[in-house]
Amino acid sequence: MPAQDTLTVAVRVKPGASRDRVGGRFDGPHGPALVIAVHAPAVDGRATEAARRALAAALGIRPAAVSLRTGAASRDKLFLVDRPGPELSGVLHRLRDGSGE
């Protein structure tokens, strides 16, 4: 029996950035969130889709494994990662907080 079927990741999206970048921390309504800056504008869900793909790339997983749980019209979003590996929370912690410990 798997320990975790999904991992919820709180994200703060910054649309309209000069380039895509994943890293940093924002204390938002869902708790400590990973900052994802995307070049895409906040129009027609483009920034959300770009953030979903950037999160998958940063975590080294398939984009299909990442889905939006809540926050389609907000900068503060919750994404779900399907079947996260045991190393994923450590990778996420380093991206958000800058160190492994």
N, C-alpha and C. Protein backbone atom coordinates (compact mmCIF):
# COMPACT_ATOMS: atom_id res chain seq x y z
N MET A 1 0.85 -1.19 0.00
CA MET A 1 0.00 0.00 0.00
C MET A 1 0.89 1.25 0.00
N PRO A 2 0.70 2.13 -0.98
CA PRO A 2 1.56 3.31 -1.06
C PRO A 2 1.31 4.27 0.10
N ALA A 3 2.40 4.91 0.53
CA ALA A 3 2.29 5.85 1.64
C ALA A 3 1.47 7.08 1.23
N GLN A 4 1.63 7.51 0.00
CA GLN A 4 0.96 8.72 -0.49
C GLN A 4 0.62 8.55 -1.95
N ASP A 5 -0.67 8.70 -2.29
CA ASP A 5 -1.08 8.62 -3.68
C ASP A 5 -0.87 9.95 -4.39
N THR A 6 -1.04 11.04 -3.64
CA THR A 6 -0.85 12.37 -4.22
C THR A 6 -0.11 13.27 -3.23
N LEU A 7 0.54 14.28 -3.77
CA LEU A 7 1.22 15.29 -2.97
C LEU A 7 0.62 16.63 -3.37
N THR A 8 0.17 17.40 -2.39
CA THR A 8 -0.38 18.73 -2.67
C THR A 8 0.74 19.76 -2.56
N VAL A 9 0.86 20.59 -3.59
CA VAL A 9 1.92 21.60 -3.63
C VAL A 9 1.27 22.98 -3.72
N ALA A 10 1.52 23.82 -2.71
CA ALA A 10 1.04 25.21 -2.73
C ALA A 10 2.00 26.02 -3.59
N VAL A 11 1.43 26.83 -4.47
CA VAL A 11 2.24 27.59 -5.43
C VAL A 11 1.75 29.04 -5.48
N ARG A 12 2.68 29.96 -5.63
CA ARG A 12 2.37 31.36 -5.90
C ARG A 12 2.89 31.65 -7.31
N VAL A 13 1.98 31.98 -8.22
CA VAL A 13 2.35 32.21 -9.60
C VAL A 13 2.56 33.70 -9.85
N LYS A 14 3.66 34.02 -10.54
CA LYS A 14 3.94 35.40 -10.93
C LYS A 14 3.96 35.45 -12.46
N PRO A 15 2.82 35.79 -13.06
CA PRO A 15 2.76 35.81 -14.52
C PRO A 15 3.47 37.03 -15.11
N GLY A 16 3.78 36.94 -16.40
CA GLY A 16 4.39 38.06 -17.10
C GLY A 16 5.85 38.30 -16.76
N ALA A 17 6.53 37.29 -16.23
CA ALA A 17 7.95 37.43 -15.90
C ALA A 17 8.79 37.43 -17.17
N SER A 18 10.01 37.93 -17.09
CA SER A 18 10.87 37.96 -18.27
C SER A 18 11.26 36.55 -18.70
N ARG A 19 11.30 35.62 -17.74
CA ARG A 19 11.59 34.22 -18.07
C ARG A 19 10.96 33.32 -17.01
N ASP A 20 10.77 32.06 -17.37
CA ASP A 20 10.23 31.10 -16.41
C ASP A 20 11.29 30.77 -15.36
N ARG A 21 10.86 30.73 -14.09
CA ARG A 21 11.78 30.42 -13.00
C ARG A 21 11.00 29.78 -11.87
N VAL A 22 11.54 28.70 -11.31
CA VAL A 22 10.91 28.03 -10.19
C VAL A 22 11.86 28.10 -9.00
N GLY A 23 11.38 28.68 -7.90
CA GLY A 23 12.20 28.74 -6.71
C GLY A 23 11.83 29.93 -5.86
N GLY A 24 11.93 29.76 -4.58
CA GLY A 24 11.59 30.82 -3.65
C GLY A 24 10.35 30.47 -2.87
N ARG A 25 10.12 31.25 -1.83
CA ARG A 25 9.02 30.98 -0.90
C ARG A 25 8.12 32.19 -0.77
N PHE A 26 6.83 31.91 -0.71
CA PHE A 26 5.83 32.95 -0.46
C PHE A 26 4.87 32.41 0.58
N ASP A 27 4.70 33.13 1.68
CA ASP A 27 3.76 32.68 2.71
C ASP A 27 2.37 33.19 2.36
N GLY A 28 1.60 32.33 1.74
CA GLY A 28 0.28 32.69 1.25
C GLY A 28 -0.84 32.04 2.02
N PRO A 29 -2.05 32.08 1.46
CA PRO A 29 -3.23 31.55 2.16
C PRO A 29 -3.20 30.04 2.34
N HIS A 30 -2.38 29.33 1.57
CA HIS A 30 -2.29 27.87 1.69
C HIS A 30 -1.04 27.46 2.47
N GLY A 31 -0.40 28.43 3.15
CA GLY A 31 0.83 28.13 3.88
C GLY A 31 2.03 28.45 3.00
N PRO A 32 3.21 27.93 3.37
CA PRO A 32 4.41 28.21 2.59
C PRO A 32 4.23 27.70 1.16
N ALA A 33 4.40 28.59 0.19
CA ALA A 33 4.17 28.23 -1.20
C ALA A 33 5.45 28.38 -2.01
N LEU A 34 5.59 27.54 -3.02
CA LEU A 34 6.69 27.61 -3.96
C LEU A 34 6.38 28.70 -4.99
N VAL A 35 7.33 29.58 -5.23
CA VAL A 35 7.13 30.66 -6.20
C VAL A 35 7.49 30.16 -7.60
N ILE A 36 6.56 30.35 -8.54
CA ILE A 36 6.82 30.01 -9.93
C ILE A 36 6.54 31.25 -10.78
N ALA A 37 7.60 31.79 -11.36
CA ALA A 37 7.46 32.92 -12.26
C ALA A 37 7.37 32.37 -13.68
N VAL A 38 6.37 32.84 -14.44
CA VAL A 38 6.19 32.37 -15.81
C VAL A 38 6.10 33.54 -16.77
N HIS A 39 6.56 33.32 -17.98
CA HIS A 39 6.50 34.36 -19.01
C HIS A 39 5.06 34.59 -19.48
N ALA A 40 4.26 33.54 -19.44
CA ALA A 40 2.88 33.61 -19.94
C ALA A 40 2.06 34.65 -19.17
N PRO A 41 1.15 35.33 -19.86
CA PRO A 41 0.27 36.29 -19.18
C PRO A 41 -0.86 35.59 -18.44
N ALA A 42 -1.46 36.30 -17.51
CA ALA A 42 -2.58 35.74 -16.74
C ALA A 42 -3.88 35.90 -17.54
N VAL A 43 -3.93 35.26 -18.68
CA VAL A 43 -5.08 35.37 -19.58
C VAL A 43 -5.48 33.96 -20.03
N ASP A 44 -6.77 33.64 -19.92
CA ASP A 44 -7.30 32.37 -20.42
C ASP A 44 -6.56 31.15 -19.87
N GLY A 45 -6.12 31.22 -18.64
CA GLY A 45 -5.46 30.08 -18.01
C GLY A 45 -4.06 29.80 -18.50
N ARG A 46 -3.50 30.71 -19.30
CA ARG A 46 -2.16 30.45 -19.85
C ARG A 46 -1.08 30.43 -18.77
N ALA A 47 -1.16 31.34 -17.79
CA ALA A 47 -0.17 31.34 -16.71
C ALA A 47 -0.29 30.08 -15.86
N THR A 48 -1.50 29.63 -15.62
CA THR A 48 -1.71 28.41 -14.84
C THR A 48 -1.10 27.21 -15.55
N GLU A 49 -1.35 27.11 -16.84
CA GLU A 49 -0.79 25.99 -17.62
C GLU A 49 0.73 26.05 -17.66
N ALA A 50 1.28 27.25 -17.82
CA ALA A 50 2.74 27.40 -17.83
C ALA A 50 3.32 27.03 -16.47
N ALA A 51 2.64 27.41 -15.40
CA ALA A 51 3.10 27.08 -14.04
C ALA A 51 3.05 25.58 -13.81
N ARG A 52 2.00 24.92 -14.31
CA ARG A 52 1.87 23.47 -14.16
C ARG A 52 3.04 22.76 -14.84
N ARG A 53 3.34 23.20 -16.05
CA ARG A 53 4.45 22.58 -16.79
C ARG A 53 5.81 22.89 -16.15
N ALA A 54 5.98 24.12 -15.66
CA ALA A 54 7.24 24.50 -15.02
C ALA A 54 7.44 23.71 -13.73
N LEU A 55 6.37 23.50 -12.97
CA LEU A 55 6.45 22.72 -11.74
C LEU A 55 6.87 21.29 -12.06
N ALA A 56 6.25 20.69 -13.06
CA ALA A 56 6.61 19.33 -13.46
C ALA A 56 8.07 19.24 -13.87
N ALA A 57 8.53 20.20 -14.66
CA ALA A 57 9.92 20.21 -15.12
C ALA A 57 10.88 20.34 -13.94
N ALA A 58 10.56 21.24 -13.01
CA ALA A 58 11.43 21.46 -11.84
C ALA A 58 11.51 20.23 -10.95
N LEU A 59 10.41 19.47 -10.89
CA LEU A 59 10.38 18.26 -10.07
C LEU A 59 10.87 17.03 -10.82
N GLY A 60 11.11 17.19 -12.12
CA GLY A 60 11.61 16.08 -12.92
C GLY A 60 10.56 15.01 -13.18
N ILE A 61 9.31 15.42 -13.33
CA ILE A 61 8.24 14.46 -13.58
C ILE A 61 7.45 14.85 -14.83
N ARG A 62 6.60 13.95 -15.29
CA ARG A 62 5.78 14.22 -16.48
C ARG A 62 4.75 15.30 -16.16
N PRO A 63 4.50 16.22 -17.10
CA PRO A 63 3.45 17.23 -16.87
C PRO A 63 2.09 16.60 -16.59
N ALA A 64 1.82 15.44 -17.17
CA ALA A 64 0.53 14.78 -16.96
C ALA A 64 0.32 14.36 -15.51
N ALA A 65 1.42 14.27 -14.74
CA ALA A 65 1.32 13.87 -13.33
C ALA A 65 0.93 15.03 -12.42
N VAL A 66 0.88 16.25 -12.98
CA VAL A 66 0.57 17.44 -12.20
C VAL A 66 -0.78 18.01 -12.65
N SER A 67 -1.68 18.22 -11.68
CA SER A 67 -2.98 18.79 -12.02
C SER A 67 -3.34 19.90 -11.03
N LEU A 68 -4.17 20.82 -11.49
CA LEU A 68 -4.62 21.93 -10.65
C LEU A 68 -5.74 21.45 -9.74
N ARG A 69 -5.60 21.69 -8.44
CA ARG A 69 -6.66 21.34 -7.50
C ARG A 69 -7.57 22.52 -7.23
N THR A 70 -6.96 23.67 -6.99
CA THR A 70 -7.76 24.88 -6.72
C THR A 70 -6.95 26.12 -7.08
N GLY A 71 -7.66 27.20 -7.40
CA GLY A 71 -6.99 28.48 -7.64
C GLY A 71 -6.87 28.86 -9.10
N ALA A 72 -7.77 28.38 -9.96
CA ALA A 72 -7.66 28.68 -11.40
C ALA A 72 -7.60 30.17 -11.69
N ALA A 73 -8.32 30.98 -10.93
CA ALA A 73 -8.35 32.43 -11.19
C ALA A 73 -7.54 33.23 -10.18
N SER A 74 -6.66 32.55 -9.45
CA SER A 74 -5.88 33.19 -8.39
C SER A 74 -4.39 32.99 -8.64
N ARG A 75 -3.58 33.87 -8.07
CA ARG A 75 -2.13 33.65 -8.12
C ARG A 75 -1.72 32.56 -7.14
N ASP A 76 -2.54 32.35 -6.12
CA ASP A 76 -2.27 31.30 -5.12
C ASP A 76 -3.02 30.05 -5.53
N LYS A 77 -2.27 28.99 -5.85
CA LYS A 77 -2.86 27.76 -6.37
C LYS A 77 -2.41 26.56 -5.58
N LEU A 78 -3.19 25.51 -5.66
CA LEU A 78 -2.78 24.21 -5.14
C LEU A 78 -2.73 23.25 -6.32
N PHE A 79 -1.58 22.61 -6.52
CA PHE A 79 -1.44 21.59 -7.54
C PHE A 79 -1.34 20.23 -6.86
N LEU A 80 -1.82 19.20 -7.53
CA LEU A 80 -1.69 17.83 -7.06
C LEU A 80 -0.67 17.11 -7.93
N VAL A 81 0.24 16.38 -7.28
CA VAL A 81 1.20 15.54 -7.99
C VAL A 81 0.78 14.10 -7.76
N ASP A 82 0.49 13.37 -8.84
CA ASP A 82 0.09 11.98 -8.73
C ASP A 82 1.29 11.09 -8.47
N ARG A 83 1.12 10.14 -7.57
CA ARG A 83 2.13 9.13 -7.26
C ARG A 83 3.53 9.72 -7.11
N PRO A 84 3.71 10.63 -6.14
CA PRO A 84 5.05 11.23 -5.95
C PRO A 84 6.05 10.19 -5.42
N GLY A 85 7.26 10.27 -5.92
CA GLY A 85 8.32 9.40 -5.42
C GLY A 85 8.79 9.89 -4.05
N PRO A 86 9.53 9.05 -3.34
CA PRO A 86 9.96 9.42 -1.98
C PRO A 86 10.89 10.63 -1.95
N GLU A 87 11.57 10.92 -3.05
CA GLU A 87 12.52 12.04 -3.09
C GLU A 87 11.85 13.37 -3.39
N LEU A 88 10.59 13.34 -3.82
CA LEU A 88 9.94 14.55 -4.30
C LEU A 88 9.78 15.63 -3.23
N SER A 89 9.46 15.25 -2.01
CA SER A 89 9.27 16.27 -0.98
C SER A 89 10.60 16.98 -0.66
N GLY A 90 11.70 16.26 -0.75
CA GLY A 90 13.01 16.88 -0.55
C GLY A 90 13.35 17.86 -1.64
N VAL A 91 13.05 17.51 -2.89
CA VAL A 91 13.28 18.40 -4.02
C VAL A 91 12.43 19.65 -3.87
N LEU A 92 11.18 19.45 -3.51
CA LEU A 92 10.26 20.57 -3.32
C LEU A 92 10.76 21.49 -2.21
N HIS A 93 11.22 20.91 -1.11
CA HIS A 93 11.74 21.70 0.02
C HIS A 93 12.94 22.55 -0.41
N ARG A 94 13.85 21.95 -1.19
CA ARG A 94 15.03 22.70 -1.65
C ARG A 94 14.64 23.85 -2.58
N LEU A 95 13.68 23.60 -3.48
CA LEU A 95 13.24 24.65 -4.40
C LEU A 95 12.59 25.80 -3.63
N ARG A 96 11.78 25.46 -2.62
CA ARG A 96 11.03 26.48 -1.89
C ARG A 96 11.87 27.18 -0.84
N ASP A 97 12.67 26.43 -0.12
CA ASP A 97 13.37 27.00 1.03
C ASP A 97 14.87 27.15 0.83
N GLY A 98 15.39 26.67 -0.29
CA GLY A 98 16.77 26.93 -0.63
C GLY A 98 17.79 25.95 -0.09
N SER A 99 17.37 25.01 0.79
CA SER A 99 18.34 24.05 1.29
C SER A 99 17.62 22.76 1.64
N GLY A 100 18.37 21.71 1.80
CA GLY A 100 17.78 20.41 2.10
C GLY A 100 17.39 20.26 3.56
N GLU A 101 18.03 21.04 4.41
CA GLU A 101 17.79 20.87 5.86
C GLU A 101 17.27 22.16 6.46
